[in-house]
Amino acid sequence: MSDYATGVAPAGRTSGEVVKQRVVGLVTGALGAAIVISLLVAVEWGVEVADYVLPQDLDRYGIVSHDVNGLVGILIAPFLHAGFAHLMANTVPLAILGFLAALRGLGRFFVASLIIIVVSGLGVWFLSPPGLTVGASGLVFGYFGYVVTRGLFDRHLLDIALGIGVAVLYYSLIWGVLPGQPGISWQGHLFGLVGGLLAAWMLRRRRRPVAVASYSSGRD
């Protein structure tokens, strides 16, 4: 699907064919996004079940603040949770916002997810008090920021409308970036949001320069 619609069907194709191709592209993108997010949620739950069943505590592989060895947890912590209640609280927003983030392209989604995980994790590692941090909340806040601002950076009307809808429905998430909630990593939330904004900017689609035709007047 072209990112730069001119309102004129490409040569050799009717408007109906263009619309059909775009609809097929949206449906295919939605199906791919649904599959990927379903797998992500399944992995989250599979890891928590394993943590519950196995004698070893998997949560210890999360982010350990200010500990060099704890840096490894940056990539692992989003898949670990402090119990099923913690996981259930993250599952629905993760599934919805993750699906919307993946809807416009899986390649961009995977890169955006990595950016969010790293930025959120580093924020936790540097700024959290000594201790262990786990959970997918950073991803949730990151996907929120990514979906809300992606359309603004891309200047894509559908994404702008989608971002406005997400902002209206999930505006209450913003309170989660404020400190003062016991047991809640506001650092992960805040830097997850920053990671989402950064990902939206870094992965924005560059607009091609418009060619300007020159016309000769026939005079020297």
N, C-alpha and C. Protein backbone atom coordinates (compact mmCIF):
# COMPACT_ATOMS: atom_id res chain seq x y z
N MET A 1 0.85 -1.18 0.00
CA MET A 1 0.00 0.00 0.00
C MET A 1 0.88 1.23 0.00
N SER A 2 0.60 2.17 -0.89
CA SER A 2 1.38 3.37 -1.00
C SER A 2 1.17 4.26 0.22
N ASP A 3 2.24 4.90 0.66
CA ASP A 3 2.14 5.81 1.79
C ASP A 3 1.85 7.24 1.35
N TYR A 4 1.87 7.45 0.06
CA TYR A 4 1.73 8.80 -0.44
C TYR A 4 0.65 8.83 -1.50
N ALA A 5 -0.60 8.82 -1.05
CA ALA A 5 -1.72 8.77 -1.97
C ALA A 5 -1.89 10.09 -2.68
N THR A 6 -2.12 10.04 -3.98
CA THR A 6 -2.31 11.24 -4.78
C THR A 6 -3.75 11.44 -5.16
N GLY A 7 -4.58 10.43 -4.88
CA GLY A 7 -5.98 10.51 -5.27
C GLY A 7 -6.22 10.03 -6.68
N VAL A 8 -5.15 9.62 -7.36
CA VAL A 8 -5.26 9.13 -8.73
C VAL A 8 -4.76 7.70 -8.78
N ALA A 9 -5.51 6.83 -9.40
CA ALA A 9 -5.12 5.43 -9.49
C ALA A 9 -3.88 5.30 -10.35
N PRO A 10 -2.91 4.43 -9.99
CA PRO A 10 -1.73 4.22 -10.81
C PRO A 10 -2.11 3.80 -12.21
N ALA A 11 -1.21 4.10 -13.14
CA ALA A 11 -1.48 3.77 -14.54
C ALA A 11 -1.74 2.29 -14.70
N GLY A 12 -2.76 1.96 -15.49
CA GLY A 12 -3.08 0.56 -15.77
C GLY A 12 -3.94 -0.09 -14.71
N ARG A 13 -4.33 0.64 -13.66
CA ARG A 13 -5.15 0.06 -12.61
C ARG A 13 -6.33 0.98 -12.32
N THR A 14 -7.48 0.38 -12.12
CA THR A 14 -8.67 1.16 -11.81
C THR A 14 -8.71 1.49 -10.32
N SER A 15 -9.54 2.47 -9.97
CA SER A 15 -9.68 2.84 -8.55
C SER A 15 -10.18 1.67 -7.72
N GLY A 16 -11.08 0.87 -8.33
CA GLY A 16 -11.60 -0.30 -7.61
C GLY A 16 -10.51 -1.29 -7.28
N GLU A 17 -9.57 -1.47 -8.20
CA GLU A 17 -8.47 -2.41 -7.96
C GLU A 17 -7.55 -1.89 -6.85
N VAL A 18 -7.35 -0.58 -6.83
CA VAL A 18 -6.50 0.01 -5.79
C VAL A 18 -7.14 -0.17 -4.42
N VAL A 19 -8.45 0.12 -4.34
CA VAL A 19 -9.17 -0.04 -3.08
C VAL A 19 -9.14 -1.49 -2.61
N LYS A 20 -9.35 -2.41 -3.55
CA LYS A 20 -9.33 -3.83 -3.21
C LYS A 20 -7.96 -4.24 -2.66
N GLN A 21 -6.89 -3.75 -3.30
CA GLN A 21 -5.55 -4.09 -2.85
C GLN A 21 -5.30 -3.57 -1.43
N ARG A 22 -5.79 -2.35 -1.16
CA ARG A 22 -5.59 -1.77 0.17
C ARG A 22 -6.38 -2.53 1.23
N VAL A 23 -7.58 -2.93 0.89
CA VAL A 23 -8.39 -3.70 1.84
C VAL A 23 -7.72 -5.04 2.13
N VAL A 24 -7.23 -5.69 1.09
CA VAL A 24 -6.53 -6.98 1.27
C VAL A 24 -5.29 -6.77 2.13
N GLY A 25 -4.58 -5.65 1.91
CA GLY A 25 -3.40 -5.36 2.70
C GLY A 25 -3.73 -5.16 4.17
N LEU A 26 -4.82 -4.45 4.45
CA LEU A 26 -5.24 -4.22 5.83
C LEU A 26 -5.64 -5.52 6.52
N VAL A 27 -6.39 -6.35 5.80
CA VAL A 27 -6.83 -7.63 6.37
C VAL A 27 -5.63 -8.53 6.63
N THR A 28 -4.71 -8.58 5.68
CA THR A 28 -3.50 -9.40 5.86
C THR A 28 -2.68 -8.89 7.03
N GLY A 29 -2.54 -7.55 7.13
CA GLY A 29 -1.79 -6.97 8.25
C GLY A 29 -2.44 -7.28 9.58
N ALA A 30 -3.78 -7.20 9.63
CA ALA A 30 -4.50 -7.49 10.87
C ALA A 30 -4.32 -8.95 11.28
N LEU A 31 -4.36 -9.84 10.30
CA LEU A 31 -4.19 -11.27 10.59
C LEU A 31 -2.78 -11.54 11.12
N GLY A 32 -1.78 -10.96 10.46
CA GLY A 32 -0.41 -11.15 10.92
C GLY A 32 -0.20 -10.59 12.31
N ALA A 33 -0.77 -9.41 12.56
CA ALA A 33 -0.64 -8.79 13.88
C ALA A 33 -1.30 -9.65 14.95
N ALA A 34 -2.48 -10.19 14.64
CA ALA A 34 -3.20 -11.03 15.60
C ALA A 34 -2.41 -12.28 15.95
N ILE A 35 -1.78 -12.87 14.95
CA ILE A 35 -1.00 -14.09 15.18
C ILE A 35 0.21 -13.79 16.07
N VAL A 36 0.93 -12.71 15.73
CA VAL A 36 2.14 -12.36 16.49
C VAL A 36 1.80 -12.02 17.94
N ILE A 37 0.75 -11.24 18.16
CA ILE A 37 0.40 -10.85 19.52
C ILE A 37 -0.13 -12.04 20.31
N SER A 38 -0.84 -12.93 19.63
CA SER A 38 -1.31 -14.15 20.31
C SER A 38 -0.12 -14.98 20.78
N LEU A 39 0.91 -15.06 19.95
CA LEU A 39 2.12 -15.80 20.33
C LEU A 39 2.83 -15.10 21.49
N LEU A 40 2.87 -13.77 21.44
CA LEU A 40 3.51 -13.02 22.53
C LEU A 40 2.81 -13.27 23.85
N VAL A 41 1.49 -13.18 23.85
CA VAL A 41 0.72 -13.41 25.07
C VAL A 41 0.90 -14.86 25.54
N ALA A 42 0.91 -15.81 24.60
CA ALA A 42 1.10 -17.21 24.96
C ALA A 42 2.45 -17.44 25.62
N VAL A 43 3.49 -16.76 25.11
CA VAL A 43 4.81 -16.89 25.71
C VAL A 43 4.81 -16.31 27.13
N GLU A 44 4.17 -15.14 27.29
CA GLU A 44 4.09 -14.52 28.62
C GLU A 44 3.46 -15.49 29.62
N TRP A 45 2.35 -16.09 29.24
CA TRP A 45 1.65 -17.02 30.14
C TRP A 45 2.43 -18.32 30.32
N GLY A 46 3.07 -18.78 29.25
CA GLY A 46 3.85 -20.01 29.35
C GLY A 46 5.01 -19.85 30.32
N VAL A 47 5.67 -18.71 30.28
CA VAL A 47 6.78 -18.45 31.19
C VAL A 47 6.30 -18.38 32.64
N GLU A 48 5.14 -17.73 32.86
CA GLU A 48 4.62 -17.62 34.22
C GLU A 48 4.19 -18.97 34.78
N VAL A 49 3.60 -19.80 33.92
CA VAL A 49 3.23 -21.16 34.35
C VAL A 49 4.49 -21.95 34.72
N ALA A 50 5.53 -21.82 33.88
CA ALA A 50 6.79 -22.51 34.17
C ALA A 50 7.38 -22.01 35.48
N ASP A 51 7.29 -20.70 35.73
CA ASP A 51 7.81 -20.13 36.97
C ASP A 51 7.04 -20.67 38.18
N TYR A 52 5.74 -20.90 37.99
CA TYR A 52 4.91 -21.42 39.08
C TYR A 52 5.19 -22.90 39.35
N VAL A 53 5.41 -23.66 38.28
CA VAL A 53 5.57 -25.12 38.40
C VAL A 53 6.98 -25.50 38.82
N LEU A 54 7.98 -24.87 38.22
CA LEU A 54 9.36 -25.24 38.48
C LEU A 54 9.81 -24.79 39.87
N PRO A 55 10.71 -25.54 40.47
CA PRO A 55 11.21 -25.15 41.80
C PRO A 55 12.08 -23.90 41.76
N GLN A 56 12.68 -23.63 40.60
CA GLN A 56 13.55 -22.47 40.48
C GLN A 56 12.73 -21.20 40.25
N ASP A 57 13.11 -20.12 40.91
CA ASP A 57 12.42 -18.84 40.76
C ASP A 57 12.97 -18.11 39.54
N LEU A 58 12.17 -18.05 38.47
CA LEU A 58 12.62 -17.41 37.24
C LEU A 58 12.68 -15.90 37.36
N ASP A 59 11.94 -15.35 38.30
CA ASP A 59 11.92 -13.89 38.43
C ASP A 59 13.29 -13.31 38.77
N ARG A 60 14.15 -14.12 39.30
CA ARG A 60 15.48 -13.61 39.66
C ARG A 60 16.31 -13.20 38.45
N TYR A 61 15.81 -13.56 37.25
CA TYR A 61 16.49 -13.17 36.01
C TYR A 61 16.00 -11.82 35.49
N GLY A 62 15.22 -11.11 36.30
CA GLY A 62 14.75 -9.79 35.89
C GLY A 62 15.86 -8.74 35.97
N ILE A 63 15.47 -7.49 35.91
CA ILE A 63 16.44 -6.38 35.95
C ILE A 63 16.85 -6.11 37.40
N VAL A 64 18.14 -6.22 37.67
CA VAL A 64 18.68 -5.91 39.00
C VAL A 64 19.36 -4.55 38.89
N SER A 65 18.78 -3.55 39.53
CA SER A 65 19.26 -2.18 39.39
C SER A 65 20.71 -2.03 39.82
N HIS A 66 21.48 -1.25 39.03
CA HIS A 66 22.86 -0.87 39.35
C HIS A 66 23.81 -2.06 39.45
N ASP A 67 23.39 -3.21 39.01
CA ASP A 67 24.23 -4.41 39.02
C ASP A 67 24.54 -4.77 37.57
N VAL A 68 25.81 -4.82 37.23
CA VAL A 68 26.21 -5.11 35.85
C VAL A 68 25.62 -6.44 35.38
N ASN A 69 25.61 -7.42 36.26
CA ASN A 69 25.04 -8.72 35.90
C ASN A 69 23.53 -8.61 35.64
N GLY A 70 22.90 -7.62 36.25
CA GLY A 70 21.46 -7.45 36.08
C GLY A 70 21.06 -6.83 34.76
N LEU A 71 22.05 -6.39 33.97
CA LEU A 71 21.74 -5.82 32.65
C LEU A 71 21.13 -6.85 31.71
N VAL A 72 21.49 -8.11 31.91
CA VAL A 72 20.93 -9.17 31.07
C VAL A 72 19.42 -9.23 31.21
N GLY A 73 18.94 -8.86 32.39
CA GLY A 73 17.51 -8.91 32.65
C GLY A 73 16.70 -7.93 31.82
N ILE A 74 17.35 -6.96 31.20
CA ILE A 74 16.63 -5.98 30.38
C ILE A 74 15.83 -6.68 29.29
N LEU A 75 16.41 -7.69 28.66
CA LEU A 75 15.74 -8.40 27.58
C LEU A 75 14.81 -9.51 28.08
N ILE A 76 14.97 -9.90 29.35
CA ILE A 76 14.19 -11.01 29.89
C ILE A 76 13.01 -10.53 30.74
N ALA A 77 13.18 -9.42 31.44
CA ALA A 77 12.18 -8.94 32.40
C ALA A 77 10.77 -8.77 31.82
N PRO A 78 10.61 -8.33 30.55
CA PRO A 78 9.25 -8.17 30.02
C PRO A 78 8.45 -9.46 29.94
N PHE A 79 9.13 -10.59 30.05
CA PHE A 79 8.44 -11.88 29.96
C PHE A 79 8.26 -12.53 31.33
N LEU A 80 8.64 -11.82 32.38
CA LEU A 80 8.52 -12.33 33.75
C LEU A 80 7.53 -11.47 34.53
N HIS A 81 6.79 -12.09 35.44
CA HIS A 81 5.81 -11.36 36.25
C HIS A 81 5.81 -11.87 37.68
N ALA A 82 5.44 -10.98 38.58
CA ALA A 82 5.40 -11.33 40.00
C ALA A 82 4.06 -11.96 40.35
N GLY A 83 3.74 -13.08 39.72
CA GLY A 83 2.49 -13.78 39.98
C GLY A 83 1.47 -13.60 38.87
N PHE A 84 0.42 -14.40 38.92
CA PHE A 84 -0.61 -14.39 37.86
C PHE A 84 -1.45 -13.11 37.90
N ALA A 85 -1.64 -12.53 39.06
CA ALA A 85 -2.41 -11.28 39.15
C ALA A 85 -1.69 -10.17 38.39
N HIS A 86 -0.38 -10.11 38.55
CA HIS A 86 0.44 -9.13 37.83
C HIS A 86 0.34 -9.35 36.33
N LEU A 87 0.42 -10.61 35.91
CA LEU A 87 0.34 -10.95 34.49
C LEU A 87 -1.03 -10.62 33.93
N MET A 88 -2.09 -10.94 34.65
CA MET A 88 -3.44 -10.66 34.16
C MET A 88 -3.68 -9.17 33.98
N ALA A 89 -3.10 -8.36 34.87
CA ALA A 89 -3.26 -6.91 34.77
C ALA A 89 -2.60 -6.36 33.51
N ASN A 90 -1.55 -7.04 33.05
CA ASN A 90 -0.84 -6.58 31.86
C ASN A 90 -1.36 -7.19 30.56
N THR A 91 -2.03 -8.33 30.65
CA THR A 91 -2.36 -9.09 29.44
C THR A 91 -3.28 -8.33 28.49
N VAL A 92 -4.38 -7.79 28.98
CA VAL A 92 -5.35 -7.14 28.09
C VAL A 92 -4.77 -5.90 27.41
N PRO A 93 -4.17 -4.94 28.16
CA PRO A 93 -3.59 -3.79 27.46
C PRO A 93 -2.43 -4.18 26.55
N LEU A 94 -1.66 -5.20 26.94
CA LEU A 94 -0.57 -5.65 26.08
C LEU A 94 -1.11 -6.20 24.77
N ALA A 95 -2.18 -6.99 24.85
CA ALA A 95 -2.77 -7.59 23.65
C ALA A 95 -3.37 -6.51 22.73
N ILE A 96 -4.12 -5.57 23.31
CA ILE A 96 -4.79 -4.55 22.49
C ILE A 96 -3.78 -3.58 21.89
N LEU A 97 -2.94 -2.99 22.72
CA LEU A 97 -1.98 -2.01 22.23
C LEU A 97 -0.91 -2.66 21.35
N GLY A 98 -0.53 -3.89 21.69
CA GLY A 98 0.43 -4.61 20.86
C GLY A 98 -0.13 -4.89 19.48
N PHE A 99 -1.40 -5.30 19.41
CA PHE A 99 -2.04 -5.54 18.13
C PHE A 99 -2.08 -4.27 17.28
N LEU A 100 -2.45 -3.17 17.89
CA LEU A 100 -2.51 -1.90 17.15
C LEU A 100 -1.12 -1.45 16.70
N ALA A 101 -0.10 -1.72 17.52
CA ALA A 101 1.26 -1.36 17.15
C ALA A 101 1.76 -2.21 15.98
N ALA A 102 1.33 -3.47 15.93
CA ALA A 102 1.79 -4.38 14.88
C ALA A 102 0.96 -4.29 13.61
N LEU A 103 -0.14 -3.56 13.67
CA LEU A 103 -1.10 -3.54 12.57
C LEU A 103 -0.52 -2.96 11.29
N ARG A 104 0.44 -2.06 11.40
CA ARG A 104 0.96 -1.36 10.23
C ARG A 104 2.28 -1.92 9.75
N GLY A 105 2.63 -3.13 10.20
CA GLY A 105 3.86 -3.74 9.70
C GLY A 105 4.62 -4.46 10.78
N LEU A 106 4.87 -5.74 10.58
CA LEU A 106 5.53 -6.54 11.61
C LEU A 106 7.00 -6.19 11.75
N GLY A 107 7.65 -5.82 10.64
CA GLY A 107 9.06 -5.46 10.71
C GLY A 107 9.27 -4.26 11.63
N ARG A 108 8.48 -3.22 11.41
CA ARG A 108 8.56 -2.03 12.26
C ARG A 108 8.17 -2.37 13.70
N PHE A 109 7.22 -3.26 13.86
CA PHE A 109 6.77 -3.64 15.20
C PHE A 109 7.89 -4.30 16.00
N PHE A 110 8.61 -5.22 15.37
CA PHE A 110 9.68 -5.91 16.08
C PHE A 110 10.80 -4.93 16.48
N VAL A 111 11.14 -4.03 15.56
CA VAL A 111 12.18 -3.04 15.88
C VAL A 111 11.70 -2.10 16.98
N ALA A 112 10.45 -1.65 16.87
CA ALA A 112 9.88 -0.78 17.90
C ALA A 112 9.88 -1.47 19.26
N SER A 113 9.53 -2.75 19.28
CA SER A 113 9.50 -3.50 20.54
C SER A 113 10.89 -3.55 21.17
N LEU A 114 11.91 -3.77 20.34
CA LEU A 114 13.28 -3.83 20.85
C LEU A 114 13.71 -2.48 21.42
N ILE A 115 13.38 -1.41 20.71
CA ILE A 115 13.72 -0.07 21.20
C ILE A 115 13.05 0.19 22.54
N ILE A 116 11.77 -0.14 22.63
CA ILE A 116 11.02 0.08 23.88
C ILE A 116 11.61 -0.72 25.03
N ILE A 117 11.91 -1.99 24.78
CA ILE A 117 12.45 -2.86 25.82
C ILE A 117 13.78 -2.32 26.34
N VAL A 118 14.66 -1.91 25.42
CA VAL A 118 15.99 -1.44 25.81
C VAL A 118 15.90 -0.11 26.57
N VAL A 119 15.12 0.85 26.03
CA VAL A 119 15.01 2.16 26.68
C VAL A 119 14.35 2.03 28.06
N SER A 120 13.27 1.26 28.13
CA SER A 120 12.59 1.05 29.40
C SER A 120 13.50 0.35 30.40
N GLY A 121 14.19 -0.69 29.94
CA GLY A 121 15.07 -1.45 30.82
C GLY A 121 16.23 -0.64 31.35
N LEU A 122 16.82 0.19 30.48
CA LEU A 122 17.94 1.02 30.93
C LEU A 122 17.46 2.08 31.93
N GLY A 123 16.26 2.61 31.70
CA GLY A 123 15.71 3.56 32.66
C GLY A 123 15.53 2.94 34.03
N VAL A 124 15.04 1.71 34.04
CA VAL A 124 14.87 0.98 35.31
C VAL A 124 16.22 0.71 35.95
N TRP A 125 17.18 0.27 35.17
CA TRP A 125 18.49 -0.11 35.70
C TRP A 125 19.21 1.08 36.31
N PHE A 126 19.13 2.23 35.65
CA PHE A 126 19.83 3.41 36.13
C PHE A 126 19.12 4.11 37.29
N LEU A 127 17.79 4.21 37.24
CA LEU A 127 17.07 5.09 38.15
C LEU A 127 16.30 4.39 39.27
N SER A 128 16.05 3.10 39.15
CA SER A 128 15.31 2.41 40.21
C SER A 128 16.20 2.22 41.43
N PRO A 129 15.62 2.20 42.62
CA PRO A 129 16.41 1.87 43.81
C PRO A 129 16.88 0.43 43.72
N PRO A 130 17.90 0.05 44.47
CA PRO A 130 18.39 -1.33 44.42
C PRO A 130 17.26 -2.34 44.61
N GLY A 131 17.21 -3.31 43.73
CA GLY A 131 16.15 -4.31 43.80
C GLY A 131 15.92 -4.97 42.46
N LEU A 132 14.87 -5.75 42.38
CA LEU A 132 14.54 -6.54 41.19
C LEU A 132 13.25 -6.02 40.56
N THR A 133 13.26 -5.89 39.24
CA THR A 133 12.08 -5.41 38.52
C THR A 133 11.73 -6.38 37.40
N VAL A 134 10.45 -6.78 37.33
CA VAL A 134 9.97 -7.65 36.25
C VAL A 134 8.62 -7.14 35.75
N GLY A 135 8.22 -7.60 34.58
CA GLY A 135 6.90 -7.26 34.07
C GLY A 135 6.92 -6.64 32.69
N ALA A 136 5.78 -6.74 32.00
CA ALA A 136 5.65 -6.22 30.64
C ALA A 136 5.05 -4.82 30.60
N SER A 137 4.97 -4.15 31.75
CA SER A 137 4.38 -2.82 31.80
C SER A 137 5.12 -1.83 30.92
N GLY A 138 6.44 -1.96 30.86
CA GLY A 138 7.22 -1.07 30.00
C GLY A 138 6.80 -1.20 28.55
N LEU A 139 6.55 -2.42 28.12
CA LEU A 139 6.06 -2.64 26.75
C LEU A 139 4.68 -2.01 26.55
N VAL A 140 3.81 -2.17 27.52
CA VAL A 140 2.46 -1.61 27.44
C VAL A 140 2.52 -0.10 27.25
N PHE A 141 3.31 0.58 28.09
CA PHE A 141 3.43 2.03 27.98
C PHE A 141 4.13 2.42 26.68
N GLY A 142 5.09 1.60 26.27
CA GLY A 142 5.79 1.87 25.02
C GLY A 142 4.87 1.76 23.81
N TYR A 143 4.06 0.72 23.76
CA TYR A 143 3.12 0.57 22.65
C TYR A 143 2.10 1.70 22.65
N PHE A 144 1.70 2.14 23.84
CA PHE A 144 0.77 3.27 23.95
C PHE A 144 1.39 4.52 23.29
N GLY A 145 2.61 4.85 23.69
CA GLY A 145 3.28 6.02 23.11
C GLY A 145 3.52 5.87 21.63
N TYR A 146 3.85 4.67 21.20
CA TYR A 146 4.13 4.41 19.79
C TYR A 146 2.89 4.59 18.94
N VAL A 147 1.78 4.00 19.37
CA VAL A 147 0.54 4.08 18.59
C VAL A 147 -0.02 5.50 18.56
N VAL A 148 0.07 6.20 19.69
CA VAL A 148 -0.49 7.55 19.77
C VAL A 148 0.26 8.53 18.87
N THR A 149 1.58 8.38 18.78
CA THR A 149 2.38 9.38 18.04
C THR A 149 2.82 8.93 16.65
N ARG A 150 2.67 7.67 16.33
CA ARG A 150 3.14 7.17 15.03
C ARG A 150 2.54 7.94 13.86
N GLY A 151 1.24 8.17 13.91
CA GLY A 151 0.57 8.87 12.82
C GLY A 151 1.04 10.30 12.65
N LEU A 152 1.41 10.96 13.77
CA LEU A 152 1.90 12.33 13.70
C LEU A 152 3.23 12.40 12.97
N PHE A 153 4.11 11.45 13.27
CA PHE A 153 5.41 11.45 12.60
C PHE A 153 5.30 11.00 11.14
N ASP A 154 4.41 10.05 10.87
CA ASP A 154 4.23 9.55 9.51
C ASP A 154 3.31 10.45 8.68
N ARG A 155 2.54 11.31 9.37
CA ARG A 155 1.52 12.14 8.72
C ARG A 155 0.55 11.26 7.93
N HIS A 156 0.10 10.20 8.61
CA HIS A 156 -0.81 9.23 8.01
C HIS A 156 -2.16 9.35 8.72
N LEU A 157 -3.21 9.68 7.97
CA LEU A 157 -4.51 10.00 8.56
C LEU A 157 -5.09 8.85 9.37
N LEU A 158 -5.00 7.61 8.85
CA LEU A 158 -5.55 6.47 9.57
C LEU A 158 -4.85 6.28 10.91
N ASP A 159 -3.53 6.41 10.92
CA ASP A 159 -2.77 6.25 12.17
C ASP A 159 -3.04 7.39 13.13
N ILE A 160 -3.25 8.60 12.62
CA ILE A 160 -3.59 9.73 13.48
C ILE A 160 -4.92 9.48 14.18
N ALA A 161 -5.91 9.02 13.39
CA ALA A 161 -7.24 8.72 13.96
C ALA A 161 -7.13 7.60 14.99
N LEU A 162 -6.34 6.59 14.69
CA LEU A 162 -6.14 5.47 15.61
C LEU A 162 -5.46 5.95 16.89
N GLY A 163 -4.46 6.82 16.74
CA GLY A 163 -3.76 7.35 17.90
C GLY A 163 -4.66 8.17 18.80
N ILE A 164 -5.55 8.97 18.19
CA ILE A 164 -6.49 9.76 18.99
C ILE A 164 -7.43 8.85 19.77
N GLY A 165 -7.92 7.80 19.11
CA GLY A 165 -8.80 6.85 19.79
C GLY A 165 -8.11 6.16 20.96
N VAL A 166 -6.85 5.76 20.77
CA VAL A 166 -6.10 5.10 21.84
C VAL A 166 -5.84 6.09 22.98
N ALA A 167 -5.51 7.33 22.65
CA ALA A 167 -5.26 8.33 23.68
C ALA A 167 -6.50 8.58 24.53
N VAL A 168 -7.68 8.59 23.90
CA VAL A 168 -8.93 8.81 24.63
C VAL A 168 -9.24 7.62 25.53
N LEU A 169 -9.05 6.41 25.01
CA LEU A 169 -9.41 5.21 25.76
C LEU A 169 -8.43 4.89 26.89
N TYR A 170 -7.15 5.19 26.67
CA TYR A 170 -6.12 4.79 27.63
C TYR A 170 -5.39 5.97 28.25
N TYR A 171 -6.02 7.14 28.27
CA TYR A 171 -5.35 8.32 28.82
C TYR A 171 -4.94 8.12 30.28
N SER A 172 -5.69 7.27 30.99
CA SER A 172 -5.38 7.06 32.42
C SER A 172 -4.02 6.40 32.63
N LEU A 173 -3.46 5.80 31.58
CA LEU A 173 -2.14 5.19 31.71
C LEU A 173 -1.08 6.23 32.11
N ILE A 174 -1.30 7.47 31.69
CA ILE A 174 -0.31 8.51 31.94
C ILE A 174 0.02 8.63 33.42
N TRP A 175 -0.98 8.39 34.29
CA TRP A 175 -0.72 8.50 35.74
C TRP A 175 0.30 7.48 36.20
N GLY A 176 0.48 6.41 35.44
CA GLY A 176 1.43 5.38 35.83
C GLY A 176 2.88 5.79 35.71
N VAL A 177 3.16 6.93 35.05
CA VAL A 177 4.56 7.37 34.93
C VAL A 177 4.97 8.24 36.11
N LEU A 178 4.04 8.50 37.02
CA LEU A 178 4.35 9.34 38.17
C LEU A 178 4.81 8.49 39.35
N PRO A 179 5.81 8.95 40.08
CA PRO A 179 6.29 8.18 41.25
C PRO A 179 5.29 8.24 42.39
N GLY A 180 5.48 7.33 43.34
CA GLY A 180 4.66 7.37 44.54
C GLY A 180 3.74 6.18 44.73
N GLN A 181 3.69 5.25 43.76
CA GLN A 181 2.83 4.08 43.91
C GLN A 181 3.69 2.91 44.40
N PRO A 182 3.49 2.45 45.62
CA PRO A 182 4.32 1.38 46.19
C PRO A 182 4.27 0.11 45.32
N GLY A 183 5.43 -0.47 45.09
CA GLY A 183 5.51 -1.72 44.35
C GLY A 183 5.37 -1.56 42.85
N ILE A 184 5.22 -0.32 42.35
CA ILE A 184 5.06 -0.07 40.91
C ILE A 184 6.31 0.62 40.39
N SER A 185 6.85 0.09 39.30
CA SER A 185 8.05 0.68 38.71
C SER A 185 7.65 1.81 37.76
N TRP A 186 7.51 3.02 38.33
CA TRP A 186 7.18 4.16 37.47
C TRP A 186 8.32 4.44 36.49
N GLN A 187 9.54 4.04 36.87
CA GLN A 187 10.67 4.24 35.96
C GLN A 187 10.48 3.42 34.68
N GLY A 188 10.01 2.16 34.85
CA GLY A 188 9.75 1.32 33.68
C GLY A 188 8.64 1.88 32.82
N HIS A 189 7.60 2.43 33.47
CA HIS A 189 6.48 3.01 32.74
C HIS A 189 6.93 4.26 31.97
N LEU A 190 7.63 5.15 32.69
CA LEU A 190 8.06 6.41 32.07
C LEU A 190 8.98 6.17 30.89
N PHE A 191 9.99 5.32 31.09
CA PHE A 191 10.95 5.10 30.02
C PHE A 191 10.40 4.16 28.94
N GLY A 192 9.40 3.36 29.28
CA GLY A 192 8.70 2.62 28.24
C GLY A 192 7.99 3.58 27.31
N LEU A 193 7.32 4.59 27.90
CA LEU A 193 6.64 5.62 27.11
C LEU A 193 7.64 6.38 26.25
N VAL A 194 8.77 6.75 26.85
CA VAL A 194 9.82 7.45 26.09
C VAL A 194 10.32 6.57 24.95
N GLY A 195 10.48 5.27 25.21
CA GLY A 195 10.92 4.35 24.17
C GLY A 195 9.92 4.27 23.02
N GLY A 196 8.62 4.30 23.35
CA GLY A 196 7.60 4.28 22.31
C GLY A 196 7.64 5.52 21.45
N LEU A 197 7.81 6.69 22.08
CA LEU A 197 7.92 7.94 21.32
C LEU A 197 9.16 7.93 20.44
N LEU A 198 10.26 7.45 21.00
CA LEU A 198 11.51 7.38 20.25
C LEU A 198 11.38 6.44 19.06
N ALA A 199 10.72 5.29 19.28
CA ALA A 199 10.53 4.32 18.20
C ALA A 199 9.66 4.90 17.08
N ALA A 200 8.62 5.63 17.45
CA ALA A 200 7.75 6.25 16.45
C ALA A 200 8.52 7.25 15.60
N TRP A 201 9.43 7.98 16.23
CA TRP A 201 10.22 8.97 15.49
C TRP A 201 11.28 8.29 14.63
N MET A 202 11.97 7.32 15.19
CA MET A 202 13.05 6.65 14.45
C MET A 202 12.52 5.85 13.27
N LEU A 203 11.32 5.28 13.40
CA LEU A 203 10.77 4.41 12.36
C LEU A 203 9.78 5.14 11.46
N ARG A 204 9.74 6.46 11.57
CA ARG A 204 8.82 7.22 10.70
C ARG A 204 9.21 7.01 9.24
N ARG A 205 8.22 7.06 8.39
CA ARG A 205 8.46 6.88 6.96
C ARG A 205 8.92 8.21 6.36
N ARG A 206 10.09 8.17 5.74
CA ARG A 206 10.60 9.37 5.09
C ARG A 206 9.83 9.63 3.81
N ARG A 207 9.40 10.86 3.65
CA ARG A 207 8.66 11.21 2.44
C ARG A 207 9.62 11.47 1.29
N ARG A 208 9.27 10.90 0.15
CA ARG A 208 10.08 11.12 -1.04
C ARG A 208 9.86 12.53 -1.55
N PRO A 209 10.93 13.19 -2.04
CA PRO A 209 10.76 14.53 -2.59
C PRO A 209 9.88 14.49 -3.83
N VAL A 210 9.02 15.48 -3.96
CA VAL A 210 8.12 15.54 -5.11
C VAL A 210 8.86 16.17 -6.28
N ALA A 211 8.84 15.45 -7.40
CA ALA A 211 9.53 15.95 -8.59
C ALA A 211 8.74 17.13 -9.16
N VAL A 212 9.45 18.20 -9.51
CA VAL A 212 8.83 19.38 -10.09
C VAL A 212 9.17 19.44 -11.57
N ALA A 213 8.15 19.40 -12.39
CA ALA A 213 8.38 19.42 -13.82
C ALA A 213 8.77 20.81 -14.26
N SER A 214 9.70 20.90 -15.22
CA SER A 214 10.09 22.19 -15.78
C SER A 214 9.51 22.32 -17.18
N TYR A 215 9.14 23.50 -17.56
CA TYR A 215 8.50 23.75 -18.84
C TYR A 215 9.30 24.80 -19.59
N SER A 216 9.55 24.49 -20.81
CA SER A 216 10.27 25.43 -21.67
C SER A 216 9.29 26.37 -22.35
N SER A 217 9.64 27.66 -22.40
CA SER A 217 8.77 28.65 -23.05
C SER A 217 8.97 28.73 -24.55
N GLY A 218 10.02 28.02 -24.98
CA GLY A 218 10.29 28.06 -26.41
C GLY A 218 11.13 29.26 -26.80
N ARG A 219 11.56 30.08 -25.82
CA ARG A 219 12.41 31.24 -26.09
C ARG A 219 13.81 31.00 -25.59
N ASP A 220 14.78 31.63 -26.24
CA ASP A 220 16.15 31.54 -25.80
C ASP A 220 16.38 32.42 -24.59
